[in-house]
PDB file of N, CA and C in Angstrom:
ATOM      1  N   MET A   1      -5.501  30.869   5.871  1.00  0.00           N
ATOM      2  CA  MET A   1      -4.164  31.003   6.450  1.00  0.00           C
ATOM      3  C   MET A   1      -4.298  31.308   7.620  1.00  0.00           C
ATOM      4  N   GLN A   2      -3.754  30.466   8.737  1.00  0.00           N
ATOM      5  CA  GLN A   2      -3.687  30.748  10.219  1.00  0.00           C
ATOM      6  C   GLN A   2      -2.153  31.304  10.472  1.00  0.00           C
ATOM      7  N   ILE A   3      -2.017  32.555  10.480  1.00  0.00           N
ATOM      8  CA  ILE A   3      -0.906  33.444  11.267  1.00  0.00           C
ATOM      9  C   ILE A   3      -0.960  33.082  12.719  1.00  0.00           C
ATOM     10  N   THR A   4       0.352  33.478  13.111  1.00  0.00           N
ATOM     11  CA  THR A   4       0.137  33.492  15.299  1.00  0.00           C
ATOM     12  C   THR A   4       1.579  34.633  14.718  1.00  0.00           C
ATOM     13  N   TRP A   5       0.557  35.016  16.523  1.00  0.00           N
ATOM     14  CA  TRP A   5       1.805  36.058  16.703  1.00  0.00           C
ATOM     15  C   TRP A   5       1.731  37.981  15.905  1.00  0.00           C
ATOM     16  N   TYR A   6       1.508  39.074  16.663  1.00  0.00           N
ATOM     17  CA  TYR A   6       0.956  39.874  16.175  1.00  0.00           C
ATOM     18  C   TYR A   6       2.188  40.183  14.943  1.00  0.00           C
ATOM     19  N   ASP A   7       3.834  40.163  15.337  1.00  0.00           N
ATOM     20  CA  ASP A   7       4.864  40.612  14.578  1.00  0.00           C
ATOM     21  C   ASP A   7       4.625  39.619  13.447  1.00  0.00           C
ATOM     22  N   ASN A   8       4.006  38.879  13.552  1.00  0.00           N
ATOM     23  CA  ASN A   8       3.862  38.090  11.671  1.00  0.00           C
ATOM     24  C   ASN A   8       3.086  37.979  10.675  1.00  0.00           C
ATOM     25  N   TYR A   9       2.148  38.809  11.202  1.00  0.00           N
ATOM     26  CA  TYR A   9       1.304  39.706  10.521  1.00  0.00           C
ATOM     27  C   TYR A   9       1.943  41.062   9.706  1.00  0.00           C
ATOM     28  N   VAL A  10       2.182  41.508  11.021  1.00  0.00           N
ATOM     29  CA  VAL A  10       3.437  42.916  10.400  1.00  0.00           C
ATOM     30  C   VAL A  10       3.957  42.210   8.966  1.00  0.00           C
ATOM     31  N   ARG A  11       5.078  41.764   9.800  1.00  0.00           N
ATOM     32  CA  ARG A  11       6.396  40.961   8.613  1.00  0.00           C
ATOM     33  C   ARG A  11       5.712  40.838   7.468  1.00  0.00           C
ATOM     34  N   MET A  12       4.535  40.032   7.532  1.00  0.00           N
ATOM     35  CA  MET A  12       4.088  39.242   6.611  1.00  0.00           C
ATOM     36  C   MET A  12       2.736  40.335   5.271  1.00  0.00           C
ATOM     37  N   GLY A  13       2.192  41.296   6.529  1.00  0.00           N
ATOM     38  CA  GLY A  13       1.799  42.165   5.586  1.00  0.00           C
ATOM     39  C   GLY A  13       2.809  43.076   4.767  1.00  0.00           C
ATOM     40  N   LYS A  14       4.041  43.550   5.632  1.00  0.00           N
ATOM     41  CA  LYS A  14       4.683  44.404   4.487  1.00  0.00           C
ATOM     42  C   LYS A  14       5.189  43.705   3.804  1.00  0.00           C
ATOM     43  N   LEU A  15       5.438  42.006   3.230  1.00  0.00           N
ATOM     44  CA  LEU A  15       5.530  41.909   2.343  1.00  0.00           C
ATOM     45  C   LEU A  15       5.037  41.808   1.475  1.00  0.00           C
ATOM     46  N   LEU A  16       3.871  41.460   1.642  1.00  0.00           N
ATOM     47  CA  LEU A  16       3.315  41.017   0.272  1.00  0.00           C
ATOM     48  C   LEU A  16       1.892  42.884   0.561  1.00  0.00           C
ATOM     49  N   GLY A  17       2.093  44.200   1.156  1.00  0.00           N
ATOM     50  CA  GLY A  17       2.127  45.069   0.651  1.00  0.00           C
ATOM     51  C   GLY A  17       0.695  45.126   0.993  1.00  0.00           C
ATOM     52  N   ILE A  18       0.054  44.936   1.792  1.00  0.00           N
ATOM     53  CA  ILE A  18      -1.688  44.644   2.584  1.00  0.00           C
ATOM     54  C   ILE A  18      -1.424  44.719   4.140  1.00  0.00           C
ATOM     55  N   PRO A  19      -2.453  45.376   4.575  1.00  0.00           N
ATOM     56  CA  PRO A  19      -2.319  45.806   6.095  1.00  0.00           C
ATOM     57  C   PRO A  19      -2.424  44.553   6.702  1.00  0.00           C
ATOM     58  N   LEU A  20      -1.780  43.775   6.445  1.00  0.00           N
ATOM     59  CA  LEU A  20      -2.726  42.450   7.229  1.00  0.00           C
ATOM     60  C   LEU A  20      -2.436  42.754   9.056  1.00  0.00           C
ATOM     61  N   ALA A  21      -2.161  43.753   9.471  1.00  0.00           N
ATOM     62  CA  ALA A  21      -1.675  43.906  11.132  1.00  0.00           C
ATOM     63  C   ALA A  21      -3.147  44.496  12.037  1.00  0.00           C
ATOM     64  N   ARG A  22      -3.291  45.885  11.019  1.00  0.00           N
ATOM     65  CA  ARG A  22      -4.814  46.113  11.351  1.00  0.00           C
ATOM     66  C   ARG A  22      -6.031  45.507  10.823  1.00  0.00           C
ATOM     67  N   LYS A  23      -6.120  44.603   9.987  1.00  0.00           N
ATOM     68  CA  LYS A  23      -7.338  44.194   9.266  1.00  0.00           C
ATOM     69  C   LYS A  23      -7.080  42.652   8.912  1.00  0.00           C
ATOM     70  N   PRO A  24      -6.533  41.451  10.452  1.00  0.00           N
ATOM     71  CA  PRO A  24      -5.895  39.916  10.204  1.00  0.00           C
ATOM     72  C   PRO A  24      -6.720  39.390   9.550  1.00  0.00           C
ATOM     73  N   ASP A  25      -8.194  39.762   9.152  1.00  0.00           N
ATOM     74  CA  ASP A  25      -8.783  38.904   9.138  1.00  0.00           C
ATOM     75  C   ASP A  25      -9.029  38.379   7.204  1.00  0.00           C
ATOM     76  N   LEU A  26      -8.226  39.970   6.885  1.00  0.00           N
ATOM     77  CA  LEU A  26      -8.062  39.760   5.396  1.00  0.00           C
ATOM     78  C   LEU A  26      -6.935  38.050   4.611  1.00  0.00           C
ATOM     79  N   ALA A  27      -6.299  37.017   6.311  1.00  0.00           N
ATOM     80  CA  ALA A  27      -5.888  36.452   5.861  1.00  0.00           C
ATOM     81  C   ALA A  27      -6.361  34.690   5.627  1.00  0.00           C
ATOM     82  N   LEU A  28      -8.149  35.239   5.761  1.00  0.00           N
ATOM     83  CA  LEU A  28      -9.280  34.323   5.826  1.00  0.00           C
ATOM     84  C   LEU A  28      -9.489  33.952   4.549  1.00  0.00           C
ATOM     85  N   GLU A  29      -8.910  35.183   3.408  1.00  0.00           N
ATOM     86  CA  GLU A  29      -9.151  35.204   1.847  1.00  0.00           C
ATOM     87  C   GLU A  29      -8.912  34.672   1.011  1.00  0.00           C
ATOM     88  N   TRP A  30      -9.120  34.396   0.095  1.00  0.00           N
ATOM     89  CA  TRP A  30      -8.622  33.625  -0.279  1.00  0.00           C
ATOM     90  C   TRP A  30      -7.330  33.661  -1.113  1.00  0.00           C
ATOM     91  N   ASP A  31      -7.888  35.552  -1.504  1.00  0.00           N
ATOM     92  CA  ASP A  31      -6.862  35.625  -2.451  1.00  0.00           C
ATOM     93  C   ASP A  31      -5.746  36.298  -1.973  1.00  0.00           C
ATOM     94  N   VAL A  32      -5.892  36.925  -0.227  1.00  0.00           N
ATOM     95  CA  VAL A  32      -4.184  36.798   0.606  1.00  0.00           C
ATOM     96  C   VAL A  32      -3.775  35.883   0.569  1.00  0.00           C
ATOM     97  N   ALA A  33      -4.802  34.700   1.389  1.00  0.00           N
ATOM     98  CA  ALA A  33      -3.931  33.338   1.833  1.00  0.00           C
ATOM     99  C   ALA A  33      -3.608  32.558   0.931  1.00  0.00           C
ATOM    100  N   LEU A  34      -3.423  32.833  -0.056  1.00  0.00           N
ATOM    101  CA  LEU A  34      -2.351  31.677  -0.976  1.00  0.00           C
ATOM    102  C   LEU A  34      -1.619  32.298  -1.588  1.00  0.00           C
ATOM    103  N   PRO A  35      -0.803  33.638  -0.861  1.00  0.00           N
ATOM    104  CA  PRO A  35       0.079  34.348  -1.087  1.00  0.00           C
ATOM    105  C   PRO A  35       0.843  34.238   0.354  1.00  0.00           C
ATOM    106  N   LEU A  36       0.375  34.313   0.988  1.00  0.00           N
ATOM    107  CA  LEU A  36       0.747  34.013   2.281  1.00  0.00           C
ATOM    108  C   LEU A  36       1.565  32.534   3.454  1.00  0.00           C
ATOM    109  N   LEU A  37       0.744  31.802   1.837  1.00  0.00           N
ATOM    110  CA  LEU A  37       1.060  30.636   2.572  1.00  0.00           C
ATOM    111  C   LEU A  37       2.170  29.835   1.340  1.00  0.00           C
ATOM    112  N   TYR A  38       2.120  30.178   0.359  1.00  0.00           N
ATOM    113  CA  TYR A  38       3.081  30.274  -0.996  1.00  0.00           C
ATOM    114  C   TYR A  38       4.725  30.766  -0.900  1.00  0.00           C
ATOM    115  N   THR A  39       4.423  32.014  -0.906  1.00  0.00           N
ATOM    116  CA  THR A  39       5.457  32.939  -0.010  1.00  0.00           C
ATOM    117  C   THR A  39       6.705  32.975   1.315  1.00  0.00           C
ATOM    118  N   GLY A  40       5.420  31.952   2.654  1.00  0.00           N
ATOM    119  CA  GLY A  40       5.913  31.515   3.379  1.00  0.00           C
ATOM    120  C   GLY A  40       7.102  30.285   3.612  1.00  0.00           C
ATOM    121  N   MET A  41       6.029  29.908   2.442  1.00  0.00           N
ATOM    122  CA  MET A  41       6.718  28.264   2.676  1.00  0.00           C
ATOM    123  C   MET A  41       7.886  28.145   1.527  1.00  0.00           C
ATOM    124  N   ARG A  42       8.088  29.039   0.161  1.00  0.00           N
ATOM    125  CA  ARG A  42       9.344  29.204  -0.534  1.00  0.00           C
ATOM    126  C   ARG A  42      10.160  30.098   0.501  1.00  0.00           C
ATOM    127  N   LYS A  43       9.839  30.886   1.054  1.00  0.00           N
ATOM    128  CA  LYS A  43      11.055  31.754   1.575  1.00  0.00           C
ATOM    129  C   LYS A  43      11.387  31.377   2.888  1.00  0.00           C
ATOM    130  N   GLY A  44      10.542  30.223   3.417  1.00  0.00           N
ATOM    131  CA  GLY A  44      11.071  29.644   4.702  1.00  0.00           C
ATOM    132  C   GLY A  44      10.942  30.685   6.114  1.00  0.00           C
ATOM    133  N   LEU A  45      10.177  31.594   5.714  1.00  0.00           N
ATOM    134  CA  LEU A  45       8.980  32.752   6.768  1.00  0.00           C
ATOM    135  C   LEU A  45       8.869  32.064   7.946  1.00  0.00           C
ATOM    136  N   TYR A  46       7.865  31.227   7.747  1.00  0.00           N
ATOM    137  CA  TYR A  46       7.450  30.031   9.271  1.00  0.00           C
ATOM    138  C   TYR A  46       8.279  29.515  10.010  1.00  0.00           C
ATOM    139  N   THR A  47       8.846  28.888   9.989  1.00  0.00           N
ATOM    140  CA  THR A  47       9.747  28.046  10.961  1.00  0.00           C
ATOM    141  C   THR A  47      11.394  28.074  10.365  1.00  0.00           C
ATOM    142  N   GLY A  48      11.382  28.691   9.616  1.00  0.00           N
ATOM    143  CA  GLY A  48      12.695  28.521   8.603  1.00  0.00           C
ATOM    144  C   GLY A  48      13.666  27.992   8.032  1.00  0.00           C
ATOM    145  N   LYS A  49      12.625  26.800   7.724  1.00  0.00           N
ATOM    146  CA  LYS A  49      12.293  25.259   7.133  1.00  0.00           C
ATOM    147  C   LYS A  49      11.638  25.887   5.025  1.00  0.00           C
ATOM    148  N   ALA A  50      12.297  25.895   3.997  1.00  0.00           N
ATOM    149  CA  ALA A  50      11.671  26.101   3.097  1.00  0.00           C
ATOM    150  C   ALA A  50      11.507  25.290   2.181  1.00  0.00           C
ATOM    151  N   LEU A  51      10.792  24.976   1.080  1.00  0.00           N
ATOM    152  CA  LEU A  51      10.663  24.319   0.003  1.00  0.00           C
ATOM    153  C   LEU A  51      11.440  23.909  -0.465  1.00  0.00           C
ATOM    154  N   LYS A  52      12.957  24.563  -0.793  1.00  0.00           N
ATOM    155  CA  LYS A  52      13.245  23.896  -1.141  1.00  0.00           C
ATOM    156  C   LYS A  52      14.304  23.028  -0.305  1.00  0.00           C
ATOM    157  N   ASP A  53      14.430  22.795   0.539  1.00  0.00           N
ATOM    158  CA  ASP A  53      14.631  22.193   1.569  1.00  0.00           C
ATOM    159  C   ASP A  53      14.589  20.878   1.914  1.00  0.00           C
ATOM    160  N   TYR A  54      13.142  20.422   0.443  1.00  0.00           N
ATOM    161  CA  TYR A  54      12.925  18.964   0.696  1.00  0.00           C
ATOM    162  C   TYR A  54      13.273  18.665  -0.699  1.00  0.00           C
ATOM    163  N   ARG A  55      13.221  17.369  -0.998  1.00  0.00           N
ATOM    164  CA  ARG A  55      12.727  16.265  -2.098  1.00  0.00           C
ATOM    165  C   ARG A  55      11.639  16.552  -2.452  1.00  0.00           C
ATOM    166  N   LEU A  56      10.269  17.140  -3.072  1.00  0.00           N
ATOM    167  CA  LEU A  56       9.270  16.720  -2.796  1.00  0.00           C
ATOM    168  C   LEU A  56       9.193  16.059  -4.677  1.00  0.00           C
ATOM    169  N   PRO A  57       8.242  15.519  -4.511  1.00  0.00           N
ATOM    170  CA  PRO A  57       7.083  14.410  -3.110  1.00  0.00           C
ATOM    171  C   PRO A  57       7.958  13.455  -2.500  1.00  0.00           C
ATOM    172  N   GLU A  58       9.460  12.528  -2.496  1.00  0.00           N
ATOM    173  CA  GLU A  58       9.221  11.792  -1.578  1.00  0.00           C
ATOM    174  C   GLU A  58       9.212  12.323  -0.116  1.00  0.00           C
ATOM    175  N   GLN A  59       9.553  14.393  -0.121  1.00  0.00           N
ATOM    176  CA  GLN A  59       9.817  13.934   1.773  1.00  0.00           C
ATOM    177  C   GLN A  59       8.612  15.078   1.586  1.00  0.00           C
ATOM    178  N   PHE A  60       7.704  14.538   1.133  1.00  0.00           N
ATOM    179  CA  PHE A  60       6.307  15.550   1.892  1.00  0.00           C
ATOM    180  C   PHE A  60       5.713  15.823   2.885  1.00  0.00           C
ATOM    181  N   ARG A  61       6.389  14.098   3.795  1.00  0.00           N
ATOM    182  CA  ARG A  61       6.029  13.603   5.555  1.00  0.00           C
ATOM    183  C   ARG A  61       7.167  14.921   6.142  1.00  0.00           C
ATOM    184  N   GLU A  62       8.354  14.815   6.419  1.00  0.00           N
ATOM    185  CA  GLU A  62       8.892  15.584   6.339  1.00  0.00           C
ATOM    186  C   GLU A  62       9.593  16.865   6.282  1.00  0.00           C
ATOM    187  N   ALA A  63       8.917  17.251   5.121  1.00  0.00           N
ATOM    188  CA  ALA A  63       8.190  18.751   4.638  1.00  0.00           C
ATOM    189  C   ALA A  63       6.995  19.765   5.258  1.00  0.00           C
ATOM    190  N   ARG A  64       6.338  19.131   6.259  1.00  0.00           N
ATOM    191  CA  ARG A  64       5.118  18.983   6.896  1.00  0.00           C
ATOM    192  C   ARG A  64       5.805  20.489   7.768  1.00  0.00           C
ATOM    193  N   ALA A  65       7.277  20.367   8.438  1.00  0.00           N
ATOM    194  CA  ALA A  65       8.152  21.483   8.720  1.00  0.00           C
ATOM    195  C   ALA A  65       8.444  22.790   8.402  1.00  0.00           C
ATOM    196  N   ILE A  66       7.695  22.405   7.666  1.00  0.00           N
ATOM    197  CA  ILE A  66       7.784  23.965   6.792  1.00  0.00           C
ATOM    198  C   ILE A  66       6.997  24.569   7.248  1.00  0.00           C
ATOM    199  N   ILE A  67       5.615  24.728   8.084  1.00  0.00           N
ATOM    200  CA  ILE A  67       4.966  25.505   8.363  1.00  0.00           C
ATOM    201  C   ILE A  67       4.016  25.288   9.774  1.00  0.00           C
ATOM    202  N   ASN A  68       4.809  24.008  10.081  1.00  0.00           N
ATOM    203  CA  ASN A  68       4.503  23.555  11.617  1.00  0.00           C
ATOM    204  C   ASN A  68       5.397  22.477  12.111  1.00  0.00           C
ATOM    205  N   GLY A  69       6.402  22.117  13.008  1.00  0.00           N
ATOM    206  CA  GLY A  69       7.067  21.155  13.582  1.00  0.00           C
ATOM    207  C   GLY A  69       6.667  19.962  14.154  1.00  0.00           C
ATOM    208  N   ASP A  70       4.685  19.729  14.035  1.00  0.00           N
ATOM    209  CA  ASP A  70       4.657  18.859  14.622  1.00  0.00           C
ATOM    210  C   ASP A  70       4.462  17.628  13.474  1.00  0.00           C
ATOM    211  N   VAL A  71       5.981  17.561  12.393  1.00  0.00           N
ATOM    212  CA  VAL A  71       5.887  16.286  11.849  1.00  0.00           C
ATOM    213  C   VAL A  71       5.943  15.136  12.708  1.00  0.00           C
ATOM    214  N   ARG A  72       6.246  14.497  13.617  1.00  0.00           N
ATOM    215  CA  ARG A  72       6.103  13.198  14.028  1.00  0.00           C
ATOM    216  C   ARG A  72       4.987  13.102  14.253  1.00  0.00           C
ATOM    217  N   LYS A  73       3.938  14.084  14.937  1.00  0.00           N
ATOM    218  CA  LYS A  73       1.917  14.053  15.509  1.00  0.00           C
ATOM    219  C   LYS A  73       1.405  13.860  13.945  1.00  0.00           C
ATOM    220  N   ASN A  74       1.564  14.899  12.918  1.00  0.00           N
ATOM    221  CA  ASN A  74       1.237  15.200  11.781  1.00  0.00           C
ATOM    222  C   ASN A  74       1.296  15.295  10.432  1.00  0.00           C
ATOM    223  N   GLY A  75       2.824  14.869  10.421  1.00  0.00           N
ATOM    224  CA  GLY A  75       3.517  14.992   9.210  1.00  0.00           C
ATOM    225  C   GLY A  75       3.014  13.572   8.076  1.00  0.00           C
ATOM    226  N   ARG A  76       2.841  12.545   8.753  1.00  0.00           N
ATOM    227  CA  ARG A  76       2.071  11.366   7.778  1.00  0.00           C
ATOM    228  C   ARG A  76       0.688  11.999   7.207  1.00  0.00           C
ATOM    229  N   MET A  77      -0.122  12.609   8.207  1.00  0.00           N
ATOM    230  CA  MET A  77      -1.873  13.042   7.824  1.00  0.00           C
ATOM    231  C   MET A  77      -1.836  14.293   6.764  1.00  0.00           C
ATOM    232  N   ILE A  78      -0.665  15.328   6.555  1.00  0.00           N
ATOM    233  CA  ILE A  78      -0.454  16.449   5.733  1.00  0.00           C
ATOM    234  C   ILE A  78       0.016  15.342   4.913  1.00  0.00           C
ATOM    235  N   ALA A  79       1.297  14.374   4.319  1.00  0.00           N
ATOM    236  CA  ALA A  79       1.228  13.781   3.581  1.00  0.00           C
ATOM    237  C   ALA A  79       0.526  13.250   2.972  1.00  0.00           C
ATOM    238  N   GLY A  80      -0.515  12.358   3.252  1.00  0.00           N
ATOM    239  CA  GLY A  80      -1.404  11.797   2.358  1.00  0.00           C
ATOM    240  C   GLY A  80      -1.849  12.728   1.997  1.00  0.00           C
ATOM    241  N   TYR A  81      -2.726  13.941   2.890  1.00  0.00           N
ATOM    242  CA  TYR A  81      -3.324  15.001   1.880  1.00  0.00           C
ATOM    243  C   TYR A  81      -2.437  15.204   0.718  1.00  0.00           C
ATOM    244  N   ALA A  82      -0.636  15.600   0.126  1.00  0.00           N
ATOM    245  CA  ALA A  82      -0.060  16.075  -0.256  1.00  0.00           C
ATOM    246  C   ALA A  82      -0.598  15.004  -1.272  1.00  0.00           C
ATOM    247  N   ASP A  83      -0.132  14.197  -1.309  1.00  0.00           N
ATOM    248  CA  ASP A  83      -0.536  12.640  -2.561  1.00  0.00           C
ATOM    249  C   ASP A  83      -0.899  12.965  -3.277  1.00  0.00           C
ATOM    250  N   CYS A  84      -2.794  12.646  -2.613  1.00  0.00           N
ATOM    251  CA  CYS A  84      -4.254  12.964  -3.166  1.00  0.00           C
ATOM    252  C   CYS A  84      -3.935  13.743  -3.899  1.00  0.00           C
ATOM    253  N   TYR A  85      -3.211  15.427  -3.334  1.00  0.00           N
ATOM    254  CA  TYR A  85      -3.550  16.181  -4.169  1.00  0.00           C
ATOM    255  C   TYR A  85      -2.481  16.226  -6.247  1.00  0.00           C
ATOM    256  N   LEU A  86      -1.101  15.612  -5.464  1.00  0.00           N
ATOM    257  CA  LEU A  86      -0.515  15.894  -6.967  1.00  0.00           C
ATOM    258  C   LEU A  86      -0.862  14.167  -7.438  1.00  0.00           C
ATOM    259  N   LYS A  87      -1.810  14.056  -6.877  1.00  0.00           N
ATOM    260  CA  LYS A  87      -2.588  12.763  -7.614  1.00  0.00           C
ATOM    261  C   LYS A  87      -3.762  13.355  -8.245  1.00  0.00           C
ATOM    262  N   ALA A  88      -4.052  14.073  -8.548  1.00  0.00           N
ATOM    263  CA  ALA A  88      -5.266  14.894  -8.802  1.00  0.00           C
ATOM    264  C   ALA A  88      -4.749  15.825  -9.975  1.00  0.00           C
ATOM    265  N   LEU A  89      -3.573  16.828  -9.322  1.00  0.00           N
ATOM    266  CA  LEU A  89      -3.348  17.127 -10.073  1.00  0.00           C
ATOM    267  C   LEU A  89      -2.683  16.618 -12.072  1.00  0.00           C
ATOM    268  N   ASN A  90      -2.440  15.609 -11.208  1.00  0.00           N
ATOM    269  CA  ASN A  90      -1.531  14.794 -12.840  1.00  0.00           C
ATOM    270  C   ASN A  90      -2.474  14.558 -13.264  1.00  0.00           C
ATOM    271  N   ALA A  91      -4.095  13.909 -12.360  1.00  0.00           N
ATOM    272  CA  ALA A  91      -4.546  13.298 -13.756  1.00  0.00           C
ATOM    273  C   ALA A  91      -5.654  14.539 -14.817  1.00  0.00           C
TER     274      ALA A  91
END
């Protein structure tokens, strides 16, 4: 998980109860990265957009805005990944 800006490390570390600001490399560990990603997406902590703001899987492309505002540039690619994961989970 990549987080930008020190304040986000502080905020997310407090939220999850981990010393993320002092040890930012913790965000690279699976057991920390997954809660960071899920919590941030569920609560809209990264861009103000949250999972609840979209109809999934119909709006996988638009939901890219939950993590990054580059929907026009990367939304279709990310939606393709999401479709593949969904198919794998359903198989």
